[in-house]
Amino acid sequence: MVANVFGYHAVQIGLPEWDLLQSNRVPYKAYTHVLQDAALAARPMALLADPENLPFESQSLDLLVLPHVLECSSNPHQILREAERVLMPEGRVVISGFNPWSLWGARERVPGLEPLMPVATHLQVSLPRLKDWFKLLAFEVDRGRFGCYAPPCQTDKWLKRWSFMEAAGDRWWPVCGAVYVVSAVKRVAAMRLVGPAWKRKKKRVRREAVVTSRHSDC
């Protein structure tokens, strides 16, 4: 999703230990640490930033990647507003998140079971909800994909036993993957220049004068 995005500036918010911009060819790339994860700094040159108040100028970025950032915030809609602010017109945002309507999410809702996911189900942002937010902020969904259809397992043995569900789930129940990645483009309505109203009035006056003179000649 990021390989063919062109421009000058690309930024990844959170999880800097994973280089999600590796396949992109933008000349300037930056990686940020979320404030609460500052102790997990893996890249010494990464910037410490608050996703709800990004330290970038308005309309200065061409690509913004948000890996599991919305569900780790108490105000995910504010993060999207910041993304809309810092992105250039036709800029792209790529977001990954956990799907609450999946086998992983269903397990988290079973009382008495120890939670396995790093984010509680009630904090996860479903894809339909995210699409509604995109519409409010003039983002157009470009592409997306689900993954991780197998039940949550803690051992390689059981993961291999359920591996057949990856291909089956992608074909038969694609919207039930535990993880989604979606890409959206910032759209800006084009301006239409309209001439001053007084010019139109002058033309109308001239036409009326011509018609009046013709009638008087007759």
C-alpha atoms as a PDB file:
ATOM      1  CA  MET A   1       0.000   0.000   0.000  1.00  0.00           C
ATOM      2  CA  VAL A   2       2.914   2.395   0.549  1.00  0.00           C
ATOM      3  CA  ALA A   3       5.234   1.226  -2.234  1.00  0.00           C
ATOM      4  CA  ASN A   4       3.799   3.444  -4.983  1.00  0.00           C
ATOM      5  CA  VAL A   5       3.076   6.549  -2.919  1.00  0.00           C
ATOM      6  CA  PHE A   6       5.148   9.457  -4.225  1.00  0.00           C
ATOM      7  CA  GLY A   7       6.078  12.756  -2.640  1.00  0.00           C
ATOM      8  CA  TYR A   8       8.748  14.245  -0.407  1.00  0.00           C
ATOM      9  CA  HIS A   9       7.823  13.467   3.210  1.00  0.00           C
ATOM     10  CA  ALA A  10       6.550  10.261   4.831  1.00  0.00           C
ATOM     11  CA  VAL A  11       6.019   9.708   8.564  1.00  0.00           C
ATOM     12  CA  GLN A  12       5.219   6.614  10.606  1.00  0.00           C
ATOM     13  CA  ILE A  13       3.451   7.284  13.915  1.00  0.00           C
ATOM     14  CA  GLY A  14       4.215   4.661  16.577  1.00  0.00           C
ATOM     15  CA  LEU A  15       5.904   1.243  16.510  1.00  0.00           C
ATOM     16  CA  PRO A  16       9.195   2.614  15.130  1.00  0.00           C
ATOM     17  CA  GLU A  17      10.830  -0.767  15.729  1.00  0.00           C
ATOM     18  CA  TRP A  18       8.863  -1.926  12.652  1.00  0.00           C
ATOM     19  CA  ASP A  19       9.977  -0.167   9.477  1.00  0.00           C
ATOM     20  CA  LEU A  20       6.641   0.053   7.664  1.00  0.00           C
ATOM     21  CA  LEU A  21       8.050   2.602   5.197  1.00  0.00           C
ATOM     22  CA  GLN A  22      10.814   0.327   3.963  1.00  0.00           C
ATOM     23  CA  SER A  23       9.259  -0.300   0.533  1.00  0.00           C
ATOM     24  CA  ASN A  24       8.427   3.356  -0.043  1.00  0.00           C
ATOM     25  CA  ARG A  25      10.693   5.571  -2.176  1.00  0.00           C
ATOM     26  CA  VAL A  26       9.945   8.939  -0.588  1.00  0.00           C
ATOM     27  CA  PRO A  27      13.306  10.667   0.066  1.00  0.00           C
ATOM     28  CA  TYR A  28      12.547  11.849   3.612  1.00  0.00           C
ATOM     29  CA  LYS A  29      11.171   9.370   6.164  1.00  0.00           C
ATOM     30  CA  ALA A  30      10.564   9.934   9.863  1.00  0.00           C
ATOM     31  CA  TYR A  31       9.563   7.571  12.670  1.00  0.00           C
ATOM     32  CA  THR A  32       7.890   8.710  15.858  1.00  0.00           C
ATOM     33  CA  HIS A  33       7.461   7.217  19.296  1.00  0.00           C
ATOM     34  CA  VAL A  34       4.109   7.588  20.985  1.00  0.00           C
ATOM     35  CA  LEU A  35       4.510   9.404  24.304  1.00  0.00           C
ATOM     36  CA  GLN A  36       3.477   6.483  26.510  1.00  0.00           C
ATOM     37  CA  ASP A  37       5.879   4.158  24.649  1.00  0.00           C
ATOM     38  CA  ALA A  38       8.920   6.373  25.000  1.00  0.00           C
ATOM     39  CA  ALA A  39      10.715   3.796  27.152  1.00  0.00           C
ATOM     40  CA  LEU A  40      10.593   1.325  24.251  1.00  0.00           C
ATOM     41  CA  ALA A  41      12.693   3.509  21.973  1.00  0.00           C
ATOM     42  CA  ALA A  42      14.325   1.309  19.350  1.00  0.00           C
ATOM     43  CA  ARG A  43      15.359   3.972  16.840  1.00  0.00           C
ATOM     44  CA  PRO A  44      17.664   6.612  18.332  1.00  0.00           C
ATOM     45  CA  MET A  45      16.706   9.169  15.655  1.00  0.00           C
ATOM     46  CA  ALA A  46      12.953   8.772  16.131  1.00  0.00           C
ATOM     47  CA  LEU A  47      10.837  11.733  17.183  1.00  0.00           C
ATOM     48  CA  LEU A  48       8.824  11.690  20.398  1.00  0.00           C
ATOM     49  CA  ALA A  49       5.313  12.885  19.535  1.00  0.00           C
ATOM     50  CA  ASP A  50       1.697  12.927  20.673  1.00  0.00           C
ATOM     51  CA  PRO A  51      -0.531  11.489  17.895  1.00  0.00           C
ATOM     52  CA  GLU A  52      -3.365  13.809  18.950  1.00  0.00           C
ATOM     53  CA  ASN A  53      -1.130  16.878  18.500  1.00  0.00           C
ATOM     54  CA  LEU A  54       1.363  16.151  15.743  1.00  0.00           C
ATOM     55  CA  PRO A  55       4.406  18.462  15.603  1.00  0.00           C
ATOM     56  CA  PHE A  56       4.187  18.992  11.838  1.00  0.00           C
ATOM     57  CA  GLU A  57       3.049  21.935   9.751  1.00  0.00           C
ATOM     58  CA  SER A  58      -0.322  21.839   8.042  1.00  0.00           C
ATOM     59  CA  GLN A  59      -0.261  20.269   4.574  1.00  0.00           C
ATOM     60  CA  SER A  60       3.384  19.218   4.890  1.00  0.00           C
ATOM     61  CA  LEU A  61       3.269  15.398   4.569  1.00  0.00           C
ATOM     62  CA  ASP A  62       2.575  13.148   1.604  1.00  0.00           C
ATOM     63  CA  LEU A  63       2.235   9.843   3.462  1.00  0.00           C
ATOM     64  CA  LEU A  64       1.209   9.077   7.030  1.00  0.00           C
ATOM     65  CA  VAL A  65       1.218   5.547   8.471  1.00  0.00           C
ATOM     66  CA  LEU A  66      -0.691   4.835  11.704  1.00  0.00           C
ATOM     67  CA  PRO A  67      -0.102   1.245  12.894  1.00  0.00           C
ATOM     68  CA  HIS A  68      -2.579   0.427  15.701  1.00  0.00           C
ATOM     69  CA  VAL A  69      -2.548   4.032  16.889  1.00  0.00           C
ATOM     70  CA  LEU A  70      -6.283   4.816  16.925  1.00  0.00           C
ATOM     71  CA  GLU A  71      -7.179   2.011  19.316  1.00  0.00           C
ATOM     72  CA  CYS A  72      -4.463   3.056  21.763  1.00  0.00           C
ATOM     73  CA  SER A  73      -5.915   6.538  22.169  1.00  0.00           C
ATOM     74  CA  SER A  74      -8.823   7.872  24.182  1.00  0.00           C
ATOM     75  CA  ASN A  75      -9.621  10.288  21.354  1.00  0.00           C
ATOM     76  CA  PRO A  76      -9.055   8.483  18.025  1.00  0.00           C
ATOM     77  CA  HIS A  77     -11.154  10.963  16.056  1.00  0.00           C
ATOM     78  CA  GLN A  78      -8.768  13.755  17.058  1.00  0.00           C
ATOM     79  CA  ILE A  79      -5.884  11.720  15.633  1.00  0.00           C
ATOM     80  CA  LEU A  80      -7.695  11.526  12.304  1.00  0.00           C
ATOM     81  CA  ARG A  81      -8.308  15.274  12.377  1.00  0.00           C
ATOM     82  CA  GLU A  82      -4.580  15.787  12.886  1.00  0.00           C
ATOM     83  CA  ALA A  83      -3.863  13.429   9.990  1.00  0.00           C
ATOM     84  CA  GLU A  84      -6.175  15.475   7.767  1.00  0.00           C
ATOM     85  CA  ARG A  85      -4.433  18.673   8.852  1.00  0.00           C
ATOM     86  CA  VAL A  86      -0.826  17.619   8.209  1.00  0.00           C
ATOM     87  CA  LEU A  87      -1.462  15.787   4.922  1.00  0.00           C
ATOM     88  CA  MET A  88      -1.090  17.497   1.575  1.00  0.00           C
ATOM     89  CA  PRO A  89      -4.089  17.491  -0.790  1.00  0.00           C
ATOM     90  CA  GLU A  90      -4.139  14.015  -2.371  1.00  0.00           C
ATOM     91  CA  GLY A  91      -1.917  12.795   0.465  1.00  0.00           C
ATOM     92  CA  ARG A  92      -2.424   9.291   1.794  1.00  0.00           C
ATOM     93  CA  VAL A  93      -2.968   7.810   5.243  1.00  0.00           C
ATOM     94  CA  VAL A  94      -2.531   4.077   5.935  1.00  0.00           C
ATOM     95  CA  ILE A  95      -4.093   2.697   9.121  1.00  0.00           C
ATOM     96  CA  SER A  96      -3.967  -0.757  10.688  1.00  0.00           C
ATOM     97  CA  GLY A  97      -6.155  -1.938  13.538  1.00  0.00           C
ATOM     98  CA  PHE A  98      -7.780  -4.881  15.259  1.00  0.00           C
ATOM     99  CA  ASN A  99     -11.230  -5.955  14.078  1.00  0.00           C
ATOM    100  CA  PRO A 100     -13.597  -6.356  17.060  1.00  0.00           C
ATOM    101  CA  TRP A 101     -15.912  -8.585  14.955  1.00  0.00           C
ATOM    102  CA  SER A 102     -13.503 -11.505  14.558  1.00  0.00           C
ATOM    103  CA  LEU A 103     -12.582 -14.727  16.326  1.00  0.00           C
ATOM    104  CA  TRP A 104      -9.981 -12.816  18.272  1.00  0.00           C
ATOM    105  CA  GLY A 105     -12.526 -10.242  19.357  1.00  0.00           C
ATOM    106  CA  ALA A 106     -15.081 -12.944  20.214  1.00  0.00           C
ATOM    107  CA  ARG A 107     -12.592 -14.658  22.500  1.00  0.00           C
ATOM    108  CA  GLU A 108     -11.917 -11.401  24.336  1.00  0.00           C
ATOM    109  CA  ARG A 109     -15.639 -11.116  25.105  1.00  0.00           C
ATOM    110  CA  VAL A 110     -15.866 -14.522  26.784  1.00  0.00           C
ATOM    111  CA  PRO A 111     -15.937 -13.944  30.561  1.00  0.00           C
ATOM    112  CA  GLY A 112     -13.327 -15.775  32.594  1.00  0.00           C
ATOM    113  CA  LEU A 113     -10.733 -16.102  29.814  1.00  0.00           C
ATOM    114  CA  GLU A 114      -7.431 -14.333  30.141  1.00  0.00           C
ATOM    115  CA  PRO A 115      -7.152 -11.601  27.463  1.00  0.00           C
ATOM    116  CA  LEU A 116      -4.524 -12.207  24.801  1.00  0.00           C
ATOM    117  CA  MET A 117      -4.823  -9.039  22.743  1.00  0.00           C
ATOM    118  CA  PRO A 118      -2.846  -5.942  23.723  1.00  0.00           C
ATOM    119  CA  VAL A 119      -5.926  -3.741  23.224  1.00  0.00           C
ATOM    120  CA  ALA A 120      -9.300  -4.261  24.886  1.00  0.00           C
ATOM    121  CA  THR A 121     -12.205  -4.988  22.534  1.00  0.00           C
ATOM    122  CA  HIS A 122     -14.214  -1.924  23.524  1.00  0.00           C
ATOM    123  CA  LEU A 123     -11.300   0.304  22.478  1.00  0.00           C
ATOM    124  CA  GLN A 124     -10.922  -1.211  19.025  1.00  0.00           C
ATOM    125  CA  VAL A 125     -12.184   0.816  16.056  1.00  0.00           C
ATOM    126  CA  SER A 126     -14.208  -1.235  13.597  1.00  0.00           C
ATOM    127  CA  LEU A 127     -13.757  -0.647   9.882  1.00  0.00           C
ATOM    128  CA  PRO A 128     -17.347   0.647   9.289  1.00  0.00           C
ATOM    129  CA  ARG A 129     -16.840   3.185  12.064  1.00  0.00           C
ATOM    130  CA  LEU A 130     -13.512   4.232  10.567  1.00  0.00           C
ATOM    131  CA  LYS A 131     -15.108   4.676   7.136  1.00  0.00           C
ATOM    132  CA  ASP A 132     -17.734   6.991   8.652  1.00  0.00           C
ATOM    133  CA  TRP A 133     -14.970   9.122  10.139  1.00  0.00           C
ATOM    134  CA  PHE A 134     -13.217   9.194   6.771  1.00  0.00           C
ATOM    135  CA  LYS A 135     -16.336  10.610   5.116  1.00  0.00           C
ATOM    136  CA  LEU A 136     -16.618  13.376   7.700  1.00  0.00           C
ATOM    137  CA  LEU A 137     -13.005  14.411   7.080  1.00  0.00           C
ATOM    138  CA  ALA A 138     -13.136  14.209   3.253  1.00  0.00           C
ATOM    139  CA  PHE A 139     -10.992  11.069   3.025  1.00  0.00           C
ATOM    140  CA  GLU A 140     -11.702   8.614   0.228  1.00  0.00           C
ATOM    141  CA  VAL A 141     -10.951   4.953   0.931  1.00  0.00           C
ATOM    142  CA  ASP A 142      -8.565   3.684  -1.710  1.00  0.00           C
ATOM    143  CA  ARG A 143      -7.912   0.075  -0.773  1.00  0.00           C
ATOM    144  CA  GLY A 144      -7.912  -2.266   2.209  1.00  0.00           C
ATOM    145  CA  ARG A 145      -7.424  -5.821   3.337  1.00  0.00           C
ATOM    146  CA  PHE A 146      -8.183  -8.143   6.255  1.00  0.00           C
ATOM    147  CA  GLY A 147      -5.910 -10.845   7.658  1.00  0.00           C
ATOM    148  CA  CYS A 148      -5.351 -13.261  10.573  1.00  0.00           C
ATOM    149  CA  TYR A 149      -8.395 -15.542  10.310  1.00  0.00           C
ATOM    150  CA  ALA A 150      -7.094 -18.365  12.514  1.00  0.00           C
ATOM    151  CA  PRO A 151      -8.146 -18.450  16.187  1.00  0.00           C
ATOM    152  CA  PRO A 152      -5.726 -16.819  18.620  1.00  0.00           C
ATOM    153  CA  CYS A 153      -3.142 -19.422  19.664  1.00  0.00           C
ATOM    154  CA  GLN A 154      -0.093 -19.161  21.863  1.00  0.00           C
ATOM    155  CA  THR A 155       1.926 -22.065  20.419  1.00  0.00           C
ATOM    156  CA  ASP A 156       3.321 -22.779  16.961  1.00  0.00           C
ATOM    157  CA  LYS A 157       1.776 -26.237  17.064  1.00  0.00           C
ATOM    158  CA  TRP A 158      -1.783 -24.918  17.160  1.00  0.00           C
ATOM    159  CA  LEU A 159      -1.033 -22.099  14.770  1.00  0.00           C
ATOM    160  CA  LYS A 160       0.056 -24.656  12.171  1.00  0.00           C
ATOM    161  CA  ARG A 161      -3.073 -26.727  12.760  1.00  0.00           C
ATOM    162  CA  TRP A 162      -5.290 -23.719  12.069  1.00  0.00           C
ATOM    163  CA  SER A 163      -3.202 -22.378   9.185  1.00  0.00           C
ATOM    164  CA  PHE A 164      -5.738 -23.640   6.610  1.00  0.00           C
ATOM    165  CA  MET A 165      -8.168 -20.980   7.845  1.00  0.00           C
ATOM    166  CA  GLU A 166      -6.025 -18.175   6.434  1.00  0.00           C
ATOM    167  CA  ALA A 167      -6.779 -19.099   2.827  1.00  0.00           C
ATOM    168  CA  ALA A 168     -10.356 -20.174   3.598  1.00  0.00           C
ATOM    169  CA  GLY A 169     -11.145 -17.018   5.537  1.00  0.00           C
ATOM    170  CA  ASP A 170      -9.782 -14.738   2.834  1.00  0.00           C
ATOM    171  CA  ARG A 171     -12.186 -16.387   0.409  1.00  0.00           C
ATOM    172  CA  TRP A 172     -15.320 -17.143   2.427  1.00  0.00           C
ATOM    173  CA  TRP A 173     -15.488 -14.614   5.274  1.00  0.00           C
ATOM    174  CA  PRO A 174     -13.031 -11.817   4.388  1.00  0.00           C
ATOM    175  CA  VAL A 175     -14.566  -9.223   6.723  1.00  0.00           C
ATOM    176  CA  CYS A 176     -13.932 -11.405   9.794  1.00  0.00           C
ATOM    177  CA  GLY A 177     -10.158 -11.140   9.834  1.00  0.00           C
ATOM    178  CA  ALA A 178      -8.688 -10.154  13.175  1.00  0.00           C
ATOM    179  CA  VAL A 179      -6.571  -7.366  11.660  1.00  0.00           C
ATOM    180  CA  TYR A 180      -7.309  -4.857   8.907  1.00  0.00           C
ATOM    181  CA  VAL A 181      -5.205  -2.391   6.943  1.00  0.00           C
ATOM    182  CA  VAL A 182      -6.900   0.422   5.054  1.00  0.00           C
ATOM    183  CA  SER A 183      -5.576   3.204   2.845  1.00  0.00           C
ATOM    184  CA  ALA A 184      -7.373   6.519   2.258  1.00  0.00           C
ATOM    185  CA  VAL A 185      -6.626   9.622   0.187  1.00  0.00           C
ATOM    186  CA  LYS A 186      -7.290  13.186   1.302  1.00  0.00           C
ATOM    187  CA  ARG A 187      -9.585  14.839  -1.223  1.00  0.00           C
ATOM    188  CA  VAL A 188      -9.870  18.619  -1.553  1.00  0.00           C
ATOM    189  CA  ALA A 189     -12.688  20.163  -3.575  1.00  0.00           C
ATOM    190  CA  ALA A 190     -11.404  22.170  -6.522  1.00  0.00           C
ATOM    191  CA  MET A 191     -12.103  25.901  -6.594  1.00  0.00           C
ATOM    192  CA  ARG A 192     -14.082  27.513  -9.422  1.00  0.00           C
ATOM    193  CA  LEU A 193     -13.233  31.134 -10.138  1.00  0.00           C
ATOM    194  CA  VAL A 194     -16.302  33.283 -10.773  1.00  0.00           C
ATOM    195  CA  GLY A 195     -16.040  36.777 -12.254  1.00  0.00           C
ATOM    196  CA  PRO A 196     -17.390  39.865 -10.487  1.00  0.00           C
ATOM    197  CA  ALA A 197     -21.141  40.309 -10.591  1.00  0.00           C
ATOM    198  CA  TRP A 198     -20.894  43.910 -11.911  1.00  0.00           C
ATOM    199  CA  LYS A 199     -19.480  42.680 -15.232  1.00  0.00           C
ATOM    200  CA  ARG A 200     -22.572  40.604 -15.855  1.00  0.00           C
ATOM    201  CA  LYS A 201     -24.794  43.566 -15.015  1.00  0.00           C
ATOM    202  CA  LYS A 202     -23.009  45.778 -17.545  1.00  0.00           C
ATOM    203  CA  LYS A 203     -23.469  43.207 -20.283  1.00  0.00           C
ATOM    204  CA  ARG A 204     -27.160  42.956 -19.512  1.00  0.00           C
ATOM    205  CA  VAL A 205     -27.547  46.760 -19.564  1.00  0.00           C
ATOM    206  CA  ARG A 206     -25.819  46.953 -22.935  1.00  0.00           C
ATOM    207  CA  ARG A 207     -27.985  44.226 -24.417  1.00  0.00           C
ATOM    208  CA  GLU A 208     -31.145  45.906 -23.134  1.00  0.00           C
ATOM    209  CA  ALA A 209     -29.975  49.233 -24.621  1.00  0.00           C
ATOM    210  CA  VAL A 210     -29.356  47.616 -28.010  1.00  0.00           C
ATOM    211  CA  VAL A 211     -32.780  45.978 -28.045  1.00  0.00           C
ATOM    212  CA  THR A 212     -34.466  49.269 -27.029  1.00  0.00           C
ATOM    213  CA  SER A 213     -32.702  51.198 -29.790  1.00  0.00           C
ATOM    214  CA  ARG A 214     -33.737  48.658 -32.386  1.00  0.00           C
ATOM    215  CA  HIS A 215     -37.369  48.889 -31.329  1.00  0.00           C
ATOM    216  CA  SER A 216     -37.263  52.687 -31.467  1.00  0.00           C
ATOM    217  CA  ASP A 217     -35.795  52.619 -34.999  1.00  0.00           C
ATOM    218  CA  CYS A 218     -38.631  50.426 -36.155  1.00  0.00           C
END
